[in-house]
């Protein structure tokens, strides 16, 4: 299994018998770091006023922030290997705002298991997300595999009316994440700032602690892989009609030949693999392939379902009626 949890994480896990056998992390209060996010001169769902306009209690904490609470559970189950070929696949169920207390859990794994159920709850029992934690290419069906299999083709798209399955990003994007690098208008903070606020500090994320890691280099936190792969997404030039308010509805981060490292350059290629629709939103599902720039080997993939609120697009009813 490799490194004991207590040597790298300051996270105490407990065994829980009810409602089923599971391990749980501590109660945490994630920090909101996207209040100043700028999307082409507009605010986002993480802005207090904008969030309330579309029916949320306040500015939502970005979904992948919660992945940090799942990683110690995955490390306890799968060991060091999770940081090389692990996968978190998550369906976001209810947003959190700053001050909410949340707890991550994972089912107790049977010997040799390559996948377990996991999730996160608020203090009042409200589910924040449902997930699978898995290991390697033979980890079985993920949370999003199961969800996508149930989706029907959309009836009529407006916001995403100019997009189709198979649409690719306009170019291969080049990205890198340094400790003090500001991650742009979409992510107005640095990795160093995130590490001061992260719910589960890990020595492998720091320059000093990483010297004792299996790789000898600082590792990008799982939740920051989302930032790495999203902060240049405007370069993809996907044709989403504006203005519109969007949010992450489902997300999967899969390491193929990880971990991903601080100050390492990566190449990103994006492709729309699915379009879907609900009563309130239109969604595109984009798979991003992450390659190490110097070798071009695939090191990770991500899958992101971005949902765009129909009510936030001013011409939605007009354009739908004439389509």
C-alpha atoms as a PDB file:
ATOM      1  CA  UNK A   1       0.000   0.000   0.000  1.00  0.00           C
ATOM      2  CA  UNK A   2       2.927   2.321   0.553  1.00  0.00           C
ATOM      3  CA  UNK A   3       2.935   5.454   2.693  1.00  0.00           C
ATOM      4  CA  UNK A   4       0.741   5.482   5.829  1.00  0.00           C
ATOM      5  CA  UNK A   5      -1.967   8.147   5.704  1.00  0.00           C
ATOM      6  CA  UNK A   6      -0.727   9.827   8.886  1.00  0.00           C
ATOM      7  CA  UNK A   7       2.678  10.513   7.338  1.00  0.00           C
ATOM      8  CA  UNK A   8       1.334  12.774   4.596  1.00  0.00           C
ATOM      9  CA  UNK A   9      -2.167  13.948   5.607  1.00  0.00           C
ATOM     10  CA  UNK A  10      -3.358  15.715   8.734  1.00  0.00           C
ATOM     11  CA  UNK A  11      -6.709  13.941   8.354  1.00  0.00           C
ATOM     12  CA  UNK A  12      -8.272  11.646  10.927  1.00  0.00           C
ATOM     13  CA  UNK A  13     -10.591   8.974   9.557  1.00  0.00           C
ATOM     14  CA  UNK A  14     -13.245   7.113  11.529  1.00  0.00           C
ATOM     15  CA  UNK A  15     -15.184   3.888  11.005  1.00  0.00           C
ATOM     16  CA  UNK A  16     -18.953   4.255  10.807  1.00  0.00           C
ATOM     17  CA  UNK A  17     -21.422   1.372  11.064  1.00  0.00           C
ATOM     18  CA  UNK A  18     -24.640   3.207  10.089  1.00  0.00           C
ATOM     19  CA  UNK A  19     -26.314   3.400   7.635  1.00  0.00           C
ATOM     20  CA  UNK A  20     -23.684   0.959   6.320  1.00  0.00           C
ATOM     21  CA  UNK A  21     -20.034   0.079   6.873  1.00  0.00           C
ATOM     22  CA  UNK A  22     -17.979   3.061   5.767  1.00  0.00           C
ATOM     23  CA  UNK A  23     -15.017   5.239   6.611  1.00  0.00           C
ATOM     24  CA  UNK A  24     -15.558   8.963   7.088  1.00  0.00           C
ATOM     25  CA  UNK A  25     -13.360  12.000   7.211  1.00  0.00           C
ATOM     26  CA  UNK A  26     -13.674  14.923   9.611  1.00  0.00           C
ATOM     27  CA  UNK A  27     -16.294  17.655   9.256  1.00  0.00           C
ATOM     28  CA  UNK A  28     -14.824  20.515   7.239  1.00  0.00           C
ATOM     29  CA  UNK A  29     -15.833  24.024   6.135  1.00  0.00           C
ATOM     30  CA  UNK A  30     -14.414  24.574   2.623  1.00  0.00           C
ATOM     31  CA  UNK A  31     -13.399  28.102   1.683  1.00  0.00           C
ATOM     32  CA  UNK A  32     -14.957  29.969  -1.237  1.00  0.00           C
ATOM     33  CA  UNK A  33     -12.172  31.283  -3.484  1.00  0.00           C
ATOM     34  CA  UNK A  34     -14.096  32.228  -6.656  1.00  0.00           C
ATOM     35  CA  UNK A  35     -16.123  35.236  -5.508  1.00  0.00           C
ATOM     36  CA  UNK A  36     -13.996  37.456  -7.777  1.00  0.00           C
ATOM     37  CA  UNK A  37     -14.224  35.149 -10.777  1.00  0.00           C
ATOM     38  CA  UNK A  38     -14.617  37.001 -14.088  1.00  0.00           C
ATOM     39  CA  UNK A  39     -16.151  35.222 -17.074  1.00  0.00           C
ATOM     40  CA  UNK A  40     -15.708  37.556 -20.001  1.00  0.00           C
ATOM     41  CA  UNK A  41     -16.731  40.597 -17.983  1.00  0.00           C
ATOM     42  CA  UNK A  42     -19.596  38.784 -16.254  1.00  0.00           C
ATOM     43  CA  UNK A  43     -19.971  37.242 -12.822  1.00  0.00           C
ATOM     44  CA  UNK A  44     -20.601  33.547 -12.196  1.00  0.00           C
ATOM     45  CA  UNK A  45     -22.562  31.169  -9.985  1.00  0.00           C
ATOM     46  CA  UNK A  46     -19.852  31.722  -7.368  1.00  0.00           C
ATOM     47  CA  UNK A  47     -20.879  35.362  -7.029  1.00  0.00           C
ATOM     48  CA  UNK A  48     -23.408  35.924  -4.221  1.00  0.00           C
ATOM     49  CA  UNK A  49     -25.913  37.991  -6.214  1.00  0.00           C
ATOM     50  CA  UNK A  50     -25.698  35.938  -9.408  1.00  0.00           C
ATOM     51  CA  UNK A  51     -26.160  32.686  -7.470  1.00  0.00           C
ATOM     52  CA  UNK A  52     -29.294  34.010  -5.771  1.00  0.00           C
ATOM     53  CA  UNK A  53     -30.737  35.070  -9.117  1.00  0.00           C
ATOM     54  CA  UNK A  54     -30.773  31.440 -10.253  1.00  0.00           C
ATOM     55  CA  UNK A  55     -32.166  30.067  -7.001  1.00  0.00           C
ATOM     56  CA  UNK A  56     -29.140  29.256  -4.824  1.00  0.00           C
ATOM     57  CA  UNK A  57     -28.669  30.443  -1.227  1.00  0.00           C
ATOM     58  CA  UNK A  58     -25.398  32.179  -2.015  1.00  0.00           C
ATOM     59  CA  UNK A  59     -22.171  31.979  -3.954  1.00  0.00           C
ATOM     60  CA  UNK A  60     -21.459  28.297  -4.551  1.00  0.00           C
ATOM     61  CA  UNK A  61     -18.160  26.707  -3.602  1.00  0.00           C
ATOM     62  CA  UNK A  62     -16.624  25.146  -6.711  1.00  0.00           C
ATOM     63  CA  UNK A  63     -17.440  21.440  -6.867  1.00  0.00           C
ATOM     64  CA  UNK A  64     -13.901  20.016  -7.224  1.00  0.00           C
ATOM     65  CA  UNK A  65     -12.964  21.761  -3.962  1.00  0.00           C
ATOM     66  CA  UNK A  66     -14.709  18.792  -2.340  1.00  0.00           C
ATOM     67  CA  UNK A  67     -12.384  16.314  -4.057  1.00  0.00           C
ATOM     68  CA  UNK A  68      -9.704  17.157  -1.501  1.00  0.00           C
ATOM     69  CA  UNK A  69     -11.822  15.568   1.248  1.00  0.00           C
ATOM     70  CA  UNK A  70     -12.187  12.392  -0.818  1.00  0.00           C
ATOM     71  CA  UNK A  71      -8.471  11.902  -1.496  1.00  0.00           C
ATOM     72  CA  UNK A  72      -7.442  10.782   2.042  1.00  0.00           C
ATOM     73  CA  UNK A  73     -10.221   8.175   1.915  1.00  0.00           C
ATOM     74  CA  UNK A  74      -8.954   6.956  -1.452  1.00  0.00           C
ATOM     75  CA  UNK A  75      -5.375   6.867  -0.133  1.00  0.00           C
ATOM     76  CA  UNK A  76      -6.475   4.800   2.862  1.00  0.00           C
ATOM     77  CA  UNK A  77      -8.181   2.318   0.516  1.00  0.00           C
ATOM     78  CA  UNK A  78      -5.780   2.167  -2.437  1.00  0.00           C
ATOM     79  CA  UNK A  79      -2.498   3.543  -1.074  1.00  0.00           C
ATOM     80  CA  UNK A  80       0.138   5.392  -3.074  1.00  0.00           C
ATOM     81  CA  UNK A  81      -1.179   3.904  -6.320  1.00  0.00           C
ATOM     82  CA  UNK A  82      -4.222   6.166  -6.185  1.00  0.00           C
ATOM     83  CA  UNK A  83      -1.971   9.181  -6.842  1.00  0.00           C
ATOM     84  CA  UNK A  84      -0.719   7.499 -10.022  1.00  0.00           C
ATOM     85  CA  UNK A  85      -3.817   5.866 -11.526  1.00  0.00           C
ATOM     86  CA  UNK A  86      -6.753   6.863  -9.333  1.00  0.00           C
ATOM     87  CA  UNK A  87     -10.110   8.239 -10.441  1.00  0.00           C
ATOM     88  CA  UNK A  88     -12.727  10.377  -8.699  1.00  0.00           C
ATOM     89  CA  UNK A  89     -16.020  10.398 -10.574  1.00  0.00           C
ATOM     90  CA  UNK A  90     -18.648  12.689  -9.070  1.00  0.00           C
ATOM     91  CA  UNK A  91     -22.264  13.718  -9.549  1.00  0.00           C
ATOM     92  CA  UNK A  92     -22.865  17.053  -7.818  1.00  0.00           C
ATOM     93  CA  UNK A  93     -26.213  17.010  -6.035  1.00  0.00           C
ATOM     94  CA  UNK A  94     -26.497  20.227  -4.003  1.00  0.00           C
ATOM     95  CA  UNK A  95     -24.231  23.269  -3.826  1.00  0.00           C
ATOM     96  CA  UNK A  96     -22.407  24.391  -0.698  1.00  0.00           C
ATOM     97  CA  UNK A  97     -21.774  27.928   0.413  1.00  0.00           C
ATOM     98  CA  UNK A  98     -18.976  29.119   2.673  1.00  0.00           C
ATOM     99  CA  UNK A  99     -19.727  28.152   6.264  1.00  0.00           C
ATOM    100  CA  UNK A 100     -21.438  24.862   5.389  1.00  0.00           C
ATOM    101  CA  UNK A 101     -19.947  21.875   7.221  1.00  0.00           C
ATOM    102  CA  UNK A 102     -19.475  18.810   5.053  1.00  0.00           C
ATOM    103  CA  UNK A 103     -18.142  15.296   5.574  1.00  0.00           C
ATOM    104  CA  UNK A 104     -16.762  12.881   2.994  1.00  0.00           C
ATOM    105  CA  UNK A 105     -17.278   9.127   3.276  1.00  0.00           C
ATOM    106  CA  UNK A 106     -16.382   5.961   1.377  1.00  0.00           C
ATOM    107  CA  UNK A 107     -17.678   2.420   1.627  1.00  0.00           C
ATOM    108  CA  UNK A 108     -15.412  -0.091   3.347  1.00  0.00           C
ATOM    109  CA  UNK A 109     -13.634  -1.884   0.525  1.00  0.00           C
ATOM    110  CA  UNK A 110     -13.486  -5.635   0.202  1.00  0.00           C
ATOM    111  CA  UNK A 111     -10.045  -7.194  -0.272  1.00  0.00           C
ATOM    112  CA  UNK A 112      -8.812  -6.566  -3.802  1.00  0.00           C
ATOM    113  CA  UNK A 113     -11.580  -4.100  -4.671  1.00  0.00           C
ATOM    114  CA  UNK A 114     -10.739  -1.641  -7.449  1.00  0.00           C
ATOM    115  CA  UNK A 115     -13.736   0.627  -6.906  1.00  0.00           C
ATOM    116  CA  UNK A 116     -15.853   1.831  -3.983  1.00  0.00           C
ATOM    117  CA  UNK A 117     -18.904   4.031  -3.525  1.00  0.00           C
ATOM    118  CA  UNK A 118     -18.316   7.398  -1.890  1.00  0.00           C
ATOM    119  CA  UNK A 119     -20.092  10.651  -1.179  1.00  0.00           C
ATOM    120  CA  UNK A 120     -20.379  13.796   0.878  1.00  0.00           C
ATOM    121  CA  UNK A 121     -23.059  15.068   3.273  1.00  0.00           C
ATOM    122  CA  UNK A 122     -23.997  18.300   4.977  1.00  0.00           C
ATOM    123  CA  UNK A 123     -24.694  18.370   8.728  1.00  0.00           C
ATOM    124  CA  UNK A 124     -28.447  18.079   8.127  1.00  0.00           C
ATOM    125  CA  UNK A 125     -27.941  14.981   5.979  1.00  0.00           C
ATOM    126  CA  UNK A 126     -28.328  16.714   2.611  1.00  0.00           C
ATOM    127  CA  UNK A 127     -26.186  14.918   0.018  1.00  0.00           C
ATOM    128  CA  UNK A 128     -23.594  17.197  -1.602  1.00  0.00           C
ATOM    129  CA  UNK A 129     -22.312  14.655  -4.103  1.00  0.00           C
ATOM    130  CA  UNK A 130     -22.303  10.966  -4.935  1.00  0.00           C
ATOM    131  CA  UNK A 131     -19.136   9.425  -6.315  1.00  0.00           C
ATOM    132  CA  UNK A 132     -16.996   6.436  -7.090  1.00  0.00           C
ATOM    133  CA  UNK A 133     -13.335   6.145  -6.119  1.00  0.00           C
ATOM    134  CA  UNK A 134     -11.496   3.698  -8.352  1.00  0.00           C
ATOM    135  CA  UNK A 135      -8.050   2.536  -9.346  1.00  0.00           C
ATOM    136  CA  UNK A 136      -6.547   1.846 -12.741  1.00  0.00           C
ATOM    137  CA  UNK A 137      -8.122   1.146 -16.119  1.00  0.00           C
ATOM    138  CA  UNK A 138      -9.894  -1.924 -14.722  1.00  0.00           C
ATOM    139  CA  UNK A 139     -11.714  -0.020 -11.983  1.00  0.00           C
ATOM    140  CA  UNK A 140     -15.109  -0.791 -13.468  1.00  0.00           C
ATOM    141  CA  UNK A 141     -18.099   1.464 -14.081  1.00  0.00           C
ATOM    142  CA  UNK A 142     -17.712   4.954 -12.658  1.00  0.00           C
ATOM    143  CA  UNK A 143     -20.395   7.273 -11.303  1.00  0.00           C
ATOM    144  CA  UNK A 144     -20.500   9.171 -14.590  1.00  0.00           C
ATOM    145  CA  UNK A 145     -20.443   6.036 -16.748  1.00  0.00           C
ATOM    146  CA  UNK A 146     -23.669   4.972 -15.043  1.00  0.00           C
ATOM    147  CA  UNK A 147     -25.217   8.426 -15.277  1.00  0.00           C
ATOM    148  CA  UNK A 148     -24.438   8.965 -18.961  1.00  0.00           C
ATOM    149  CA  UNK A 149     -25.890   5.568 -19.856  1.00  0.00           C
ATOM    150  CA  UNK A 150     -29.297   6.777 -18.599  1.00  0.00           C
ATOM    151  CA  UNK A 151     -29.380  10.056 -20.533  1.00  0.00           C
ATOM    152  CA  UNK A 152     -31.620  10.565 -23.547  1.00  0.00           C
ATOM    153  CA  UNK A 153     -30.683  12.766 -26.504  1.00  0.00           C
ATOM    154  CA  UNK A 154     -31.803  16.386 -26.066  1.00  0.00           C
ATOM    155  CA  UNK A 155     -35.039  17.439 -27.766  1.00  0.00           C
ATOM    156  CA  UNK A 156     -34.047  20.952 -28.816  1.00  0.00           C
ATOM    157  CA  UNK A 157     -30.936  22.875 -27.824  1.00  0.00           C
ATOM    158  CA  UNK A 158     -30.771  26.661 -27.885  1.00  0.00           C
ATOM    159  CA  UNK A 159     -27.804  27.757 -25.769  1.00  0.00           C
ATOM    160  CA  UNK A 160     -25.795  24.877 -27.238  1.00  0.00           C
ATOM    161  CA  UNK A 161     -27.577  24.924 -30.584  1.00  0.00           C
ATOM    162  CA  UNK A 162     -24.340  25.543 -32.479  1.00  0.00           C
ATOM    163  CA  UNK A 163     -22.514  22.603 -30.906  1.00  0.00           C
ATOM    164  CA  UNK A 164     -22.474  18.907 -31.770  1.00  0.00           C
ATOM    165  CA  UNK A 165     -20.996  15.706 -30.390  1.00  0.00           C
ATOM    166  CA  UNK A 166     -17.452  15.416 -31.698  1.00  0.00           C
ATOM    167  CA  UNK A 167     -16.771  19.157 -31.587  1.00  0.00           C
ATOM    168  CA  UNK A 168     -13.124  19.632 -30.666  1.00  0.00           C
ATOM    169  CA  UNK A 169     -11.277  22.498 -29.083  1.00  0.00           C
ATOM    170  CA  UNK A 170      -9.860  25.043 -31.524  1.00  0.00           C
ATOM    171  CA  UNK A 171      -6.260  24.180 -30.617  1.00  0.00           C
ATOM    172  CA  UNK A 172      -4.026  22.163 -28.343  1.00  0.00           C
ATOM    173  CA  UNK A 173      -3.584  24.235 -25.197  1.00  0.00           C
ATOM    174  CA  UNK A 174      -0.361  24.514 -23.198  1.00  0.00           C
ATOM    175  CA  UNK A 175      -0.649  24.804 -19.422  1.00  0.00           C
ATOM    176  CA  UNK A 176       1.580  24.817 -16.378  1.00  0.00           C
ATOM    177  CA  UNK A 177       0.956  25.473 -12.686  1.00  0.00           C
ATOM    178  CA  UNK A 178       3.587  27.058 -10.469  1.00  0.00           C
ATOM    179  CA  UNK A 179       3.223  27.709  -6.758  1.00  0.00           C
ATOM    180  CA  UNK A 180       2.938  31.485  -7.129  1.00  0.00           C
ATOM    181  CA  UNK A 181       1.367  31.581 -10.584  1.00  0.00           C
ATOM    182  CA  UNK A 182      -1.924  33.503 -10.711  1.00  0.00           C
ATOM    183  CA  UNK A 183      -4.358  31.252 -12.553  1.00  0.00           C
ATOM    184  CA  UNK A 184      -6.209  34.020 -14.393  1.00  0.00           C
ATOM    185  CA  UNK A 185      -9.668  35.574 -14.366  1.00  0.00           C
ATOM    186  CA  UNK A 186     -11.465  32.220 -14.081  1.00  0.00           C
ATOM    187  CA  UNK A 187      -9.374  31.164 -11.063  1.00  0.00           C
ATOM    188  CA  UNK A 188      -8.210  34.350  -9.310  1.00  0.00           C
ATOM    189  CA  UNK A 189      -5.727  32.721  -6.944  1.00  0.00           C
ATOM    190  CA  UNK A 190      -2.468  30.788  -6.953  1.00  0.00           C
ATOM    191  CA  UNK A 191      -1.611  27.252  -5.887  1.00  0.00           C
ATOM    192  CA  UNK A 192       0.211  28.694  -2.865  1.00  0.00           C
ATOM    193  CA  UNK A 193      -2.983  30.511  -1.821  1.00  0.00           C
ATOM    194  CA  UNK A 194      -5.042  27.346  -2.307  1.00  0.00           C
ATOM    195  CA  UNK A 195      -2.663  25.323  -0.162  1.00  0.00           C
ATOM    196  CA  UNK A 196      -3.238  27.755   2.703  1.00  0.00           C
ATOM    197  CA  UNK A 197      -6.996  27.160   2.486  1.00  0.00           C
ATOM    198  CA  UNK A 198      -7.204  23.505   1.362  1.00  0.00           C
ATOM    199  CA  UNK A 199      -9.272  21.287   3.661  1.00  0.00           C
ATOM    200  CA  UNK A 200      -6.756  18.407   3.675  1.00  0.00           C
ATOM    201  CA  UNK A 201      -3.131  19.596   3.795  1.00  0.00           C
ATOM    202  CA  UNK A 202      -0.766  17.027   2.292  1.00  0.00           C
ATOM    203  CA  UNK A 203       3.014  17.128   2.566  1.00  0.00           C
ATOM    204  CA  UNK A 204       3.392  15.868  -1.013  1.00  0.00           C
ATOM    205  CA  UNK A 205       1.886  19.146  -2.258  1.00  0.00           C
ATOM    206  CA  UNK A 206       4.759  21.198  -0.826  1.00  0.00           C
ATOM    207  CA  UNK A 207       8.302  21.634  -2.097  1.00  0.00           C
ATOM    208  CA  UNK A 208       9.771  20.501   1.236  1.00  0.00           C
ATOM    209  CA  UNK A 209       7.479  17.534   1.886  1.00  0.00           C
ATOM    210  CA  UNK A 210       7.653  16.273  -1.692  1.00  0.00           C
ATOM    211  CA  UNK A 211      11.320  15.413  -1.255  1.00  0.00           C
ATOM    212  CA  UNK A 212      10.156  12.378   0.747  1.00  0.00           C
ATOM    213  CA  UNK A 213       7.401  11.407  -1.688  1.00  0.00           C
ATOM    214  CA  UNK A 214       7.735   8.437  -4.063  1.00  0.00           C
ATOM    215  CA  UNK A 215       8.350  10.923  -6.915  1.00  0.00           C
ATOM    216  CA  UNK A 216      10.578  13.495  -5.199  1.00  0.00           C
ATOM    217  CA  UNK A 217       8.614  16.393  -6.701  1.00  0.00           C
ATOM    218  CA  UNK A 218       5.617  18.464  -5.495  1.00  0.00           C
ATOM    219  CA  UNK A 219       2.308  17.007  -6.653  1.00  0.00           C
ATOM    220  CA  UNK A 220      -0.639  19.092  -7.879  1.00  0.00           C
ATOM    221  CA  UNK A 221      -3.643  18.461  -5.564  1.00  0.00           C
ATOM    222  CA  UNK A 222      -6.511  16.515  -7.127  1.00  0.00           C
ATOM    223  CA  UNK A 223      -8.889  19.488  -6.882  1.00  0.00           C
ATOM    224  CA  UNK A 224      -6.335  21.735  -8.621  1.00  0.00           C
ATOM    225  CA  UNK A 225      -6.162  19.402 -11.626  1.00  0.00           C
ATOM    226  CA  UNK A 226      -9.564  20.887 -12.416  1.00  0.00           C
ATOM    227  CA  UNK A 227      -8.036  24.374 -12.328  1.00  0.00           C
ATOM    228  CA  UNK A 228      -5.090  23.261 -14.479  1.00  0.00           C
ATOM    229  CA  UNK A 229      -7.416  21.895 -17.156  1.00  0.00           C
ATOM    230  CA  UNK A 230     -10.031  24.653 -17.026  1.00  0.00           C
ATOM    231  CA  UNK A 231      -8.277  27.981 -16.735  1.00  0.00           C
ATOM    232  CA  UNK A 232      -7.442  28.040 -20.479  1.00  0.00           C
ATOM    233  CA  UNK A 233     -10.778  26.601 -21.624  1.00  0.00           C
ATOM    234  CA  UNK A 234     -11.643  29.829 -23.434  1.00  0.00           C
ATOM    235  CA  UNK A 235      -9.029  28.856 -26.006  1.00  0.00           C
ATOM    236  CA  UNK A 236     -11.264  25.950 -27.048  1.00  0.00           C
ATOM    237  CA  UNK A 237     -13.809  28.471 -28.438  1.00  0.00           C
ATOM    238  CA  UNK A 238     -16.771  26.208 -27.945  1.00  0.00           C
ATOM    239  CA  UNK A 239     -19.901  27.945 -29.343  1.00  0.00           C
ATOM    240  CA  UNK A 240     -21.985  28.568 -26.216  1.00  0.00           C
ATOM    241  CA  UNK A 241     -24.513  31.387 -26.702  1.00  0.00           C
ATOM    242  CA  UNK A 242     -24.148  34.284 -24.262  1.00  0.00           C
ATOM    243  CA  UNK A 243     -24.890  35.718 -21.781  1.00  0.00           C
ATOM    244  CA  UNK A 244     -25.614  32.640 -19.707  1.00  0.00           C
ATOM    245  CA  UNK A 245     -24.887  31.334 -16.202  1.00  0.00           C
ATOM    246  CA  UNK A 246     -23.230  27.947 -16.035  1.00  0.00           C
ATOM    247  CA  UNK A 247     -22.080  25.533 -13.351  1.00  0.00           C
ATOM    248  CA  UNK A 248     -20.305  22.207 -12.991  1.00  0.00           C
ATOM    249  CA  UNK A 249     -22.937  19.457 -12.742  1.00  0.00           C
ATOM    250  CA  UNK A 250     -20.772  16.335 -13.026  1.00  0.00           C
ATOM    251  CA  UNK A 251     -17.031  15.846 -13.048  1.00  0.00           C
ATOM    252  CA  UNK A 252     -14.470  13.071 -13.302  1.00  0.00           C
ATOM    253  CA  UNK A 253     -10.701  13.282 -12.881  1.00  0.00           C
ATOM    254  CA  UNK A 254      -8.753  10.176 -13.903  1.00  0.00           C
ATOM    255  CA  UNK A 255      -4.998   9.748 -13.540  1.00  0.00           C
ATOM    256  CA  UNK A 256      -3.490   7.501 -16.211  1.00  0.00           C
ATOM    257  CA  UNK A 257       0.226   7.904 -15.550  1.00  0.00           C
ATOM    258  CA  UNK A 258       0.308  10.329 -12.662  1.00  0.00           C
ATOM    259  CA  UNK A 259       0.703  12.189 -10.555  1.00  0.00           C
ATOM    260  CA  UNK A 260       0.687  15.644 -12.157  1.00  0.00           C
ATOM    261  CA  UNK A 261       3.498  17.896 -10.995  1.00  0.00           C
ATOM    262  CA  UNK A 262       3.980  21.538 -10.101  1.00  0.00           C
ATOM    263  CA  UNK A 263       5.991  23.476 -12.748  1.00  0.00           C
ATOM    264  CA  UNK A 264       5.535  20.714 -15.357  1.00  0.00           C
ATOM    265  CA  UNK A 265       4.141  21.738 -18.770  1.00  0.00           C
ATOM    266  CA  UNK A 266       1.130  19.840 -20.101  1.00  0.00           C
ATOM    267  CA  UNK A 267      -0.838  19.748 -23.359  1.00  0.00           C
ATOM    268  CA  UNK A 268      -4.648  19.729 -23.372  1.00  0.00           C
ATOM    269  CA  UNK A 269      -6.996  18.485 -26.101  1.00  0.00           C
ATOM    270  CA  UNK A 270     -10.773  18.834 -25.654  1.00  0.00           C
ATOM    271  CA  UNK A 271     -13.707  17.048 -27.277  1.00  0.00           C
ATOM    272  CA  UNK A 272     -17.466  17.192 -26.731  1.00  0.00           C
ATOM    273  CA  UNK A 273     -18.563  13.598 -26.171  1.00  0.00           C
ATOM    274  CA  UNK A 274     -22.209  14.164 -25.165  1.00  0.00           C
ATOM    275  CA  UNK A 275     -24.946  16.809 -25.190  1.00  0.00           C
ATOM    276  CA  UNK A 276     -27.884  16.614 -22.802  1.00  0.00           C
ATOM    277  CA  UNK A 277     -30.841  18.590 -21.528  1.00  0.00           C
ATOM    278  CA  UNK A 278     -32.922  18.828 -18.355  1.00  0.00           C
ATOM    279  CA  UNK A 279     -35.928  20.950 -17.453  1.00  0.00           C
ATOM    280  CA  UNK A 280     -33.690  23.771 -16.200  1.00  0.00           C
ATOM    281  CA  UNK A 281     -30.441  23.439 -18.133  1.00  0.00           C
ATOM    282  CA  UNK A 282     -28.599  22.463 -21.295  1.00  0.00           C
ATOM    283  CA  UNK A 283     -25.300  20.625 -20.862  1.00  0.00           C
ATOM    284  CA  UNK A 284     -22.200  19.703 -22.770  1.00  0.00           C
ATOM    285  CA  UNK A 285     -19.895  16.925 -21.619  1.00  0.00           C
ATOM    286  CA  UNK A 286     -16.268  17.613 -22.504  1.00  0.00           C
ATOM    287  CA  UNK A 287     -13.440  15.120 -22.226  1.00  0.00           C
ATOM    288  CA  UNK A 288      -9.994  16.680 -21.868  1.00  0.00           C
ATOM    289  CA  UNK A 289      -6.907  14.597 -22.529  1.00  0.00           C
ATOM    290  CA  UNK A 290      -3.819  15.728 -20.614  1.00  0.00           C
ATOM    291  CA  UNK A 291      -0.397  14.944 -22.087  1.00  0.00           C
ATOM    292  CA  UNK A 292       3.039  15.626 -20.674  1.00  0.00           C
ATOM    293  CA  UNK A 293       4.520  18.207 -23.056  1.00  0.00           C
ATOM    294  CA  UNK A 294       8.068  16.828 -23.152  1.00  0.00           C
ATOM    295  CA  UNK A 295       7.066  13.229 -23.909  1.00  0.00           C
ATOM    296  CA  UNK A 296       3.467  13.658 -25.171  1.00  0.00           C
ATOM    297  CA  UNK A 297       2.410  10.620 -23.139  1.00  0.00           C
ATOM    298  CA  UNK A 298      -1.129  10.717 -21.749  1.00  0.00           C
ATOM    299  CA  UNK A 299      -0.988  11.317 -18.010  1.00  0.00           C
ATOM    300  CA  UNK A 300      -4.646  12.076 -17.187  1.00  0.00           C
ATOM    301  CA  UNK A 301      -8.117  12.636 -18.553  1.00  0.00           C
ATOM    302  CA  UNK A 302     -10.964  14.708 -17.211  1.00  0.00           C
ATOM    303  CA  UNK A 303     -14.666  14.673 -17.966  1.00  0.00           C
ATOM    304  CA  UNK A 304     -16.734  17.745 -17.186  1.00  0.00           C
ATOM    305  CA  UNK A 305     -20.460  18.272 -17.600  1.00  0.00           C
ATOM    306  CA  UNK A 306     -21.064  22.023 -17.702  1.00  0.00           C
ATOM    307  CA  UNK A 307     -24.736  22.898 -17.269  1.00  0.00           C
ATOM    308  CA  UNK A 308     -26.078  26.216 -18.569  1.00  0.00           C
ATOM    309  CA  UNK A 309     -29.210  27.578 -16.924  1.00  0.00           C
ATOM    310  CA  UNK A 310     -32.015  28.170 -19.446  1.00  0.00           C
ATOM    311  CA  UNK A 311     -33.538  30.935 -17.319  1.00  0.00           C
ATOM    312  CA  UNK A 312     -30.273  32.890 -17.409  1.00  0.00           C
ATOM    313  CA  UNK A 313     -30.228  33.216 -21.212  1.00  0.00           C
ATOM    314  CA  UNK A 314     -32.400  36.270 -22.047  1.00  0.00           C
ATOM    315  CA  UNK A 315     -33.464  35.072 -25.521  1.00  0.00           C
ATOM    316  CA  UNK A 316     -34.086  31.448 -24.612  1.00  0.00           C
ATOM    317  CA  UNK A 317     -37.877  31.336 -25.182  1.00  0.00           C
ATOM    318  CA  UNK A 318     -37.678  33.484 -28.304  1.00  0.00           C
ATOM    319  CA  UNK A 319     -34.973  31.418 -29.968  1.00  0.00           C
ATOM    320  CA  UNK A 320     -36.534  28.106 -28.976  1.00  0.00           C
ATOM    321  CA  UNK A 321     -39.873  29.094 -30.528  1.00  0.00           C
ATOM    322  CA  UNK A 322     -38.299  29.850 -33.917  1.00  0.00           C
ATOM    323  CA  UNK A 323     -35.833  26.953 -34.037  1.00  0.00           C
END
